[in-house]
Amino acid sequence: MSLHQSLLAELKQEAAGTKRMLEKVPTDKFNWKPHEKSFSLGKLAIHVADMINWVHVTINQDELDFANNSYKTPDIETSEQLLAFFEESLANAVTILGSTTDEVLDQNWTMRAGETIYFTLPKKIVLRTFVLNHIVHHRAQLSVYLRLLDIPIPGMYGPTADEG
C-alpha cells in the first residue's frame, strides 16, 4: 500500500469517529463553555469539522501564511449545518488525498506568519501530525465538553461507558 493510500485509510477511519462525535453536538448548546478561556462548544465543533479542509491546504499549497490568509471559518449555526459541512469537507479531502502521489507528500510545506516561520516539514508529516493528530486532539476535547453536558459519548476505538 502506498503512503497516500495509507493516509487515506487513516483519514477515513478517523473521520468516521469524528462524525459520530459531531452528531452528538446539540444546537441549543453551541454557546456553552466549560471555562471563560475555552472555545464555546459550537466553535470547537466547527473547528473539528473544518480541520479536514487542511488536507487541501497541505497537498495543494506549499505554505500557509497567516499574514496573507483570507480563509474564514464558515458561519454554522445548527447541528445539521455542522454535519453537512463536515460531510462536504470530508468528501473533498478524500478526493484530494486519493488523487495525490507519494512524491507530492515528500515535498516540504511551511506554516508562517509573514517572516516568522513556525515550521517546515514534509507534507506527509504535516498530514499526520498537524491535520490528523490535531483533529483527534480537538475531538477529544469535544468529548470532554459533551461529558460535562451529560451527553452520551460515542466510542472512537471501542465502546464507551455510555455504550457498553
C-alpha atoms as a PDB file:
ATOM      1  CA  MET A   1       0.000   0.000   0.000  1.00  0.00           C
ATOM      2  CA  SER A   2       1.393   3.397  -0.957  1.00  0.00           C
ATOM      3  CA  LEU A   3       1.804   6.140   1.620  1.00  0.00           C
ATOM      4  CA  HIS A   4      -1.039   8.260   0.257  1.00  0.00           C
ATOM      5  CA  GLN A   5      -3.338   5.212   0.301  1.00  0.00           C
ATOM      6  CA  SER A   6      -2.329   4.502   3.898  1.00  0.00           C
ATOM      7  CA  LEU A   7      -3.019   8.100   4.920  1.00  0.00           C
ATOM      8  CA  LEU A   8      -6.341   7.971   3.085  1.00  0.00           C
ATOM      9  CA  ALA A   9      -7.367   4.843   5.006  1.00  0.00           C
ATOM     10  CA  GLU A  10      -6.400   6.537   8.279  1.00  0.00           C
ATOM     11  CA  LEU A  11      -8.303   9.684   7.317  1.00  0.00           C
ATOM     12  CA  LYS A  12     -11.459   7.675   6.591  1.00  0.00           C
ATOM     13  CA  GLN A  13     -11.124   5.702   9.844  1.00  0.00           C
ATOM     14  CA  GLU A  14     -10.710   8.827  11.969  1.00  0.00           C
ATOM     15  CA  ALA A  15     -13.423  10.686  10.047  1.00  0.00           C
ATOM     16  CA  ALA A  16     -15.964   8.003  10.949  1.00  0.00           C
ATOM     17  CA  GLY A  17     -15.274   8.594  14.648  1.00  0.00           C
ATOM     18  CA  THR A  18     -15.270  12.347  14.182  1.00  0.00           C
ATOM     19  CA  LYS A  19     -18.665  12.188  12.507  1.00  0.00           C
ATOM     20  CA  ARG A  20     -20.063  10.129  15.412  1.00  0.00           C
ATOM     21  CA  MET A  21     -18.791  12.770  17.838  1.00  0.00           C
ATOM     22  CA  LEU A  22     -20.128  15.698  15.802  1.00  0.00           C
ATOM     23  CA  GLU A  23     -23.544  14.011  15.598  1.00  0.00           C
ATOM     24  CA  LYS A  24     -23.809  14.409  19.386  1.00  0.00           C
ATOM     25  CA  VAL A  25     -23.356  18.206  19.379  1.00  0.00           C
ATOM     26  CA  PRO A  26     -26.736  19.841  20.124  1.00  0.00           C
ATOM     27  CA  THR A  27     -27.578  23.168  18.518  1.00  0.00           C
ATOM     28  CA  ASP A  28     -29.025  24.537  21.762  1.00  0.00           C
ATOM     29  CA  LYS A  29     -25.619  24.150  23.478  1.00  0.00           C
ATOM     30  CA  PHE A  30     -23.468  25.817  20.778  1.00  0.00           C
ATOM     31  CA  ASN A  31     -22.737  28.798  23.067  1.00  0.00           C
ATOM     32  CA  TRP A  32     -21.860  26.703  26.147  1.00  0.00           C
ATOM     33  CA  LYS A  33     -18.293  26.965  27.502  1.00  0.00           C
ATOM     34  CA  PRO A  34     -16.668  24.882  30.243  1.00  0.00           C
ATOM     35  CA  HIS A  35     -14.457  27.850  31.170  1.00  0.00           C
ATOM     36  CA  GLU A  36     -14.266  31.515  30.210  1.00  0.00           C
ATOM     37  CA  LYS A  37     -10.960  30.949  28.352  1.00  0.00           C
ATOM     38  CA  SER A  38     -12.298  27.961  26.409  1.00  0.00           C
ATOM     39  CA  PHE A  39     -13.896  27.835  22.984  1.00  0.00           C
ATOM     40  CA  SER A  40     -17.655  27.514  23.023  1.00  0.00           C
ATOM     41  CA  LEU A  41     -18.992  24.063  22.162  1.00  0.00           C
ATOM     42  CA  GLY A  42     -20.121  25.332  18.762  1.00  0.00           C
ATOM     43  CA  LYS A  43     -16.800  26.968  17.947  1.00  0.00           C
ATOM     44  CA  LEU A  44     -14.865  23.850  18.961  1.00  0.00           C
ATOM     45  CA  ALA A  45     -17.178  21.592  16.936  1.00  0.00           C
ATOM     46  CA  ILE A  46     -16.845  23.843  13.882  1.00  0.00           C
ATOM     47  CA  HIS A  47     -13.062  23.799  14.294  1.00  0.00           C
ATOM     48  CA  VAL A  48     -13.081  19.982  14.412  1.00  0.00           C
ATOM     49  CA  ALA A  49     -15.296  19.808  11.315  1.00  0.00           C
ATOM     50  CA  ASP A  50     -13.224  22.423   9.482  1.00  0.00           C
ATOM     51  CA  MET A  51      -9.778  20.950  10.103  1.00  0.00           C
ATOM     52  CA  ILE A  52     -10.364  18.239   7.497  1.00  0.00           C
ATOM     53  CA  ASN A  53     -10.006  21.093   4.978  1.00  0.00           C
ATOM     54  CA  TRP A  54      -6.328  21.276   5.900  1.00  0.00           C
ATOM     55  CA  VAL A  55      -5.857  18.244   3.634  1.00  0.00           C
ATOM     56  CA  HIS A  56      -6.478  20.578   0.684  1.00  0.00           C
ATOM     57  CA  VAL A  57      -4.251  23.312   2.107  1.00  0.00           C
ATOM     58  CA  THR A  58      -1.439  20.851   2.769  1.00  0.00           C
ATOM     59  CA  ILE A  59      -1.487  18.977  -0.530  1.00  0.00           C
ATOM     60  CA  ASN A  60      -2.362  21.788  -2.943  1.00  0.00           C
ATOM     61  CA  GLN A  61      -0.241  24.559  -1.443  1.00  0.00           C
ATOM     62  CA  ASP A  62       3.391  24.745  -0.388  1.00  0.00           C
ATOM     63  CA  GLU A  63       2.745  27.001   2.570  1.00  0.00           C
ATOM     64  CA  LEU A  64       0.186  28.714   4.713  1.00  0.00           C
ATOM     65  CA  ASP A  65       0.973  32.325   5.509  1.00  0.00           C
ATOM     66  CA  PHE A  66      -1.377  33.643   8.186  1.00  0.00           C
ATOM     67  CA  ALA A  67      -0.337  37.182   7.263  1.00  0.00           C
ATOM     68  CA  ASN A  68      -1.855  36.716   3.789  1.00  0.00           C
ATOM     69  CA  ASN A  69      -4.604  34.204   4.511  1.00  0.00           C
ATOM     70  CA  SER A  70      -8.135  35.219   3.579  1.00  0.00           C
ATOM     71  CA  TYR A  71      -9.832  31.990   4.735  1.00  0.00           C
ATOM     72  CA  LYS A  72     -12.815  32.492   7.012  1.00  0.00           C
ATOM     73  CA  THR A  73     -14.393  29.824   9.157  1.00  0.00           C
ATOM     74  CA  PRO A  74     -17.872  29.093   7.832  1.00  0.00           C
ATOM     75  CA  ASP A  75     -20.903  30.549   9.576  1.00  0.00           C
ATOM     76  CA  ILE A  76     -22.558  27.464  11.045  1.00  0.00           C
ATOM     77  CA  GLU A  77     -25.495  27.859  13.389  1.00  0.00           C
ATOM     78  CA  THR A  78     -27.055  24.384  13.666  1.00  0.00           C
ATOM     79  CA  SER A  79     -26.039  20.782  14.188  1.00  0.00           C
ATOM     80  CA  GLU A  80     -27.442  19.941  10.774  1.00  0.00           C
ATOM     81  CA  GLN A  81     -25.276  22.588   9.096  1.00  0.00           C
ATOM     82  CA  LEU A  82     -22.266  21.319  11.062  1.00  0.00           C
ATOM     83  CA  LEU A  83     -22.715  17.751   9.821  1.00  0.00           C
ATOM     84  CA  ALA A  84     -23.393  18.831   6.237  1.00  0.00           C
ATOM     85  CA  PHE A  85     -20.235  20.967   6.280  1.00  0.00           C
ATOM     86  CA  PHE A  86     -18.175  18.085   7.666  1.00  0.00           C
ATOM     87  CA  GLU A  87     -19.527  15.624   5.080  1.00  0.00           C
ATOM     88  CA  GLU A  88     -18.780  18.019   2.211  1.00  0.00           C
ATOM     89  CA  SER A  89     -15.305  18.787   3.548  1.00  0.00           C
ATOM     90  CA  LEU A  90     -14.567  15.089   4.048  1.00  0.00           C
ATOM     91  CA  ALA A  91     -15.622  14.205   0.506  1.00  0.00           C
ATOM     92  CA  ASN A  92     -13.298  16.902  -0.816  1.00  0.00           C
ATOM     93  CA  ALA A  93     -10.414  15.713   1.378  1.00  0.00           C
ATOM     94  CA  VAL A  94     -10.894  12.082   0.295  1.00  0.00           C
ATOM     95  CA  THR A  95     -10.815  13.108  -3.367  1.00  0.00           C
ATOM     96  CA  ILE A  96      -7.688  15.227  -2.932  1.00  0.00           C
ATOM     97  CA  LEU A  97      -5.752  12.717  -0.841  1.00  0.00           C
ATOM     98  CA  GLY A  98      -6.853   9.834  -3.050  1.00  0.00           C
ATOM     99  CA  SER A  99      -5.545  11.534  -6.168  1.00  0.00           C
ATOM    100  CA  THR A 100      -2.207  12.769  -4.835  1.00  0.00           C
ATOM    101  CA  THR A 101       1.099  10.938  -5.120  1.00  0.00           C
ATOM    102  CA  ASP A 102       3.708   9.889  -2.625  1.00  0.00           C
ATOM    103  CA  GLU A 103       6.115  12.244  -4.401  1.00  0.00           C
ATOM    104  CA  VAL A 104       3.862  15.192  -3.546  1.00  0.00           C
ATOM    105  CA  LEU A 105       3.746  14.017   0.070  1.00  0.00           C
ATOM    106  CA  ASP A 106       7.557  14.136   0.202  1.00  0.00           C
ATOM    107  CA  GLN A 107       7.550  17.859  -0.672  1.00  0.00           C
ATOM    108  CA  ASN A 108       8.044  20.423   2.079  1.00  0.00           C
ATOM    109  CA  TRP A 109       5.239  22.577   3.447  1.00  0.00           C
ATOM    110  CA  THR A 110       5.679  25.689   5.572  1.00  0.00           C
ATOM    111  CA  MET A 111       3.493  27.400   8.138  1.00  0.00           C
ATOM    112  CA  ARG A 112       4.327  31.041   8.663  1.00  0.00           C
ATOM    113  CA  ALA A 113       3.050  34.459   9.606  1.00  0.00           C
ATOM    114  CA  GLY A 114       4.911  36.802   7.310  1.00  0.00           C
ATOM    115  CA  GLU A 115       8.612  36.457   8.060  1.00  0.00           C
ATOM    116  CA  THR A 116       8.039  34.274  11.131  1.00  0.00           C
ATOM    117  CA  ILE A 117       8.296  30.611  10.167  1.00  0.00           C
ATOM    118  CA  TYR A 118       6.607  28.228  12.595  1.00  0.00           C
ATOM    119  CA  PHE A 119       7.766  25.072  10.841  1.00  0.00           C
ATOM    120  CA  THR A 120       8.733  23.496   7.534  1.00  0.00           C
ATOM    121  CA  LEU A 121       8.044  19.773   7.246  1.00  0.00           C
ATOM    122  CA  PRO A 122       7.308  17.218   4.543  1.00  0.00           C
ATOM    123  CA  LYS A 123       3.615  17.225   3.611  1.00  0.00           C
ATOM    124  CA  LYS A 124       3.267  13.611   4.792  1.00  0.00           C
ATOM    125  CA  ILE A 125       4.320  14.674   8.296  1.00  0.00           C
ATOM    126  CA  VAL A 126       2.030  17.711   8.219  1.00  0.00           C
ATOM    127  CA  LEU A 127      -0.914  15.493   7.248  1.00  0.00           C
ATOM    128  CA  ARG A 128      -0.218  13.001  10.016  1.00  0.00           C
ATOM    129  CA  THR A 129       0.525  15.478  12.817  1.00  0.00           C
ATOM    130  CA  PHE A 130      -0.937  18.872  12.070  1.00  0.00           C
ATOM    131  CA  VAL A 131      -4.067  17.522  10.370  1.00  0.00           C
ATOM    132  CA  LEU A 132      -4.975  14.026  11.618  1.00  0.00           C
ATOM    133  CA  ASN A 133      -3.488  14.153  15.125  1.00  0.00           C
ATOM    134  CA  HIS A 134      -4.740  17.706  15.529  1.00  0.00           C
ATOM    135  CA  ILE A 135      -8.291  16.593  14.684  1.00  0.00           C
ATOM    136  CA  VAL A 136      -8.034  13.745  17.206  1.00  0.00           C
ATOM    137  CA  HIS A 137      -6.790  16.188  19.855  1.00  0.00           C
ATOM    138  CA  HIS A 138      -9.719  18.576  19.431  1.00  0.00           C
ATOM    139  CA  ARG A 139     -12.183  15.702  19.041  1.00  0.00           C
ATOM    140  CA  ALA A 140     -11.052  14.501  22.478  1.00  0.00           C
ATOM    141  CA  GLN A 141     -11.671  17.983  23.873  1.00  0.00           C
ATOM    142  CA  LEU A 142     -15.113  17.840  22.305  1.00  0.00           C
ATOM    143  CA  SER A 143     -15.798  14.559  24.114  1.00  0.00           C
ATOM    144  CA  VAL A 144     -14.992  16.230  27.439  1.00  0.00           C
ATOM    145  CA  TYR A 145     -17.374  19.089  26.657  1.00  0.00           C
ATOM    146  CA  LEU A 146     -20.119  16.589  25.848  1.00  0.00           C
ATOM    147  CA  ARG A 147     -19.405  14.601  29.027  1.00  0.00           C
ATOM    148  CA  LEU A 148     -19.693  17.782  31.106  1.00  0.00           C
ATOM    149  CA  LEU A 149     -23.075  18.383  29.467  1.00  0.00           C
ATOM    150  CA  ASP A 150     -24.105  14.791  30.320  1.00  0.00           C
ATOM    151  CA  ILE A 151     -24.386  13.864  26.646  1.00  0.00           C
ATOM    152  CA  PRO A 152     -23.509  10.202  25.929  1.00  0.00           C
ATOM    153  CA  ILE A 153     -20.093   9.813  24.311  1.00  0.00           C
ATOM    154  CA  PRO A 154     -19.723   7.597  21.228  1.00  0.00           C
ATOM    155  CA  GLY A 155     -16.811   5.191  21.039  1.00  0.00           C
ATOM    156  CA  MET A 156     -13.839   6.040  18.892  1.00  0.00           C
ATOM    157  CA  TYR A 157     -11.656   2.940  19.267  1.00  0.00           C
ATOM    158  CA  GLY A 158     -14.104   0.723  21.110  1.00  0.00           C
ATOM    159  CA  PRO A 159     -17.236   1.152  23.212  1.00  0.00           C
ATOM    160  CA  THR A 160     -17.544   3.845  25.866  1.00  0.00           C
ATOM    161  CA  ALA A 161     -19.165   3.511  29.290  1.00  0.00           C
ATOM    162  CA  ASP A 162     -22.265   5.011  27.674  1.00  0.00           C
ATOM    163  CA  GLU A 163     -22.434   2.246  25.085  1.00  0.00           C
ATOM    164  CA  GLY A 164     -21.391  -0.851  26.996  1.00  0.00           C
END
